[in-house]
Amino acid sequence: MTEHSTTNRADITIAAFNGKAPRIHSSAFIAPGCRIIGDVEIGPDASIWYNCVIRADVNRVVIGARTNIQDGTVVHCDSPKPQRPEGFATIIG
């Protein structure tokens, strides 16, 4: 996995949260308007289309190889709770 910066990407936010930064494979497509925050992993040849929000601030989000997240989708995860201290990650593809 490699990390992308927002330097050469129009209107995309890729931001660390609580010391965890998104990990985006170099072959993944990220469309303008996307916000990718926290403990996110995006696999090879995945595509994240226009204006998606992928927010992993309380747990992790994994988007697997060749997975397609369509325009305007919001992906989040479940935080830890007393009965399930690890919470629930969101794993797609």
Protein backbone atom coordinates (compact mmCIF):
# COMPACT_ATOMS: atom_id res chain seq x y z
CA MET A 1 0.00 0.00 0.00
CA THR A 2 1.09 3.53 -0.63
CA GLU A 3 -0.30 6.76 0.71
CA HIS A 4 -1.49 9.43 -1.67
CA SER A 5 -1.23 13.07 -0.78
CA THR A 6 -3.76 15.66 -1.82
CA THR A 7 -1.06 17.69 -3.57
CA ASN A 8 -1.96 16.59 -7.10
CA ARG A 9 -5.59 15.71 -6.53
CA ALA A 10 -8.31 18.24 -7.16
CA ASP A 11 -10.82 18.67 -4.35
CA ILE A 12 -9.95 15.46 -2.47
CA THR A 13 -9.36 15.29 1.27
CA ILE A 14 -7.18 12.47 2.57
CA ALA A 15 -6.65 13.06 6.27
CA ALA A 16 -5.21 11.28 9.28
CA PHE A 17 -7.30 11.05 12.46
CA ASN A 18 -5.94 10.10 15.88
CA GLY A 19 -2.61 9.16 14.31
CA LYS A 20 -4.08 6.82 11.68
CA ALA A 21 -3.83 7.84 8.03
CA PRO A 22 -5.59 6.34 5.01
CA ARG A 23 -3.63 3.76 3.01
CA ILE A 24 -4.60 3.88 -0.65
CA HIS A 25 -3.14 1.56 -3.26
CA SER A 26 -1.46 3.43 -6.09
CA SER A 27 -3.78 1.80 -8.68
CA ALA A 28 -7.00 2.91 -6.92
CA PHE A 29 -9.10 5.68 -8.48
CA ILE A 30 -10.32 8.46 -6.18
CA ALA A 31 -12.70 10.94 -7.84
CA PRO A 32 -12.86 14.66 -7.02
CA GLY A 33 -14.99 15.61 -4.04
CA CYS A 34 -14.10 12.56 -1.93
CA ARG A 35 -13.24 12.76 1.77
CA ILE A 36 -11.19 9.85 3.13
CA ILE A 37 -10.45 10.11 6.84
CA GLY A 38 -8.68 7.95 9.41
CA ASP A 39 -7.94 4.22 9.44
CA VAL A 40 -9.00 3.50 5.85
CA GLU A 41 -7.44 0.93 3.54
CA ILE A 42 -8.31 0.98 -0.17
CA GLY A 43 -7.07 -1.97 -2.25
CA PRO A 44 -5.72 -2.34 -5.77
CA ASP A 45 -7.89 -1.23 -8.68
CA ALA A 46 -10.69 -0.07 -6.35
CA SER A 47 -12.65 3.01 -7.39
CA ILE A 48 -14.18 5.61 -5.12
CA TRP A 49 -16.50 7.83 -7.16
CA TYR A 50 -17.54 11.46 -6.84
CA ASN A 51 -18.34 12.99 -3.45
CA CYS A 52 -17.97 9.84 -1.33
CA VAL A 53 -17.11 10.09 2.35
CA ILE A 54 -15.17 7.22 3.91
CA ARG A 55 -14.76 7.97 7.61
CA ALA A 56 -12.84 5.62 9.87
CA ASP A 57 -12.52 7.72 13.00
CA VAL A 58 -13.70 5.14 15.57
CA ASN A 59 -12.75 1.88 13.85
CA ARG A 60 -11.27 0.77 10.53
CA VAL A 61 -12.75 0.69 7.03
CA VAL A 62 -11.36 -1.72 4.44
CA ILE A 63 -12.36 -1.43 0.78
CA GLY A 64 -11.01 -4.46 -1.06
CA ALA A 65 -9.39 -4.94 -4.43
CA ARG A 66 -11.50 -4.01 -7.48
CA THR A 67 -14.35 -2.76 -5.27
CA ASN A 68 -16.45 0.10 -6.62
CA ILE A 69 -17.99 2.65 -4.23
CA GLN A 70 -20.54 4.70 -6.14
CA ASP A 71 -21.18 8.46 -6.18
CA GLY A 72 -22.23 10.10 -2.92
CA THR A 73 -21.83 7.02 -0.72
CA VAL A 74 -21.02 7.47 2.97
CA VAL A 75 -19.07 4.62 4.60
CA HIS A 76 -18.53 4.60 8.35
CA CYS A 77 -17.90 2.03 11.09
CA ASP A 78 -19.05 1.11 14.59
CA SER A 79 -17.25 2.29 17.70
CA PRO A 80 -16.22 0.11 20.63
CA LYS A 81 -18.91 -0.61 23.23
CA PRO A 82 -18.75 -2.28 26.66
CA GLN A 83 -20.18 -5.54 25.32
CA ARG A 84 -17.93 -5.46 22.21
CA PRO A 85 -14.73 -3.54 23.06
CA GLU A 86 -13.30 -3.81 19.54
CA GLY A 87 -16.48 -2.46 17.90
CA PHE A 88 -17.22 -3.44 14.30
CA ALA A 89 -15.00 -2.55 11.38
CA THR A 90 -16.56 -2.01 7.97
CA ILE A 91 -15.12 -4.39 5.38
CA ILE A 92 -16.34 -4.20 1.78
CA GLY A 93 -15.13 -6.39 -1.07
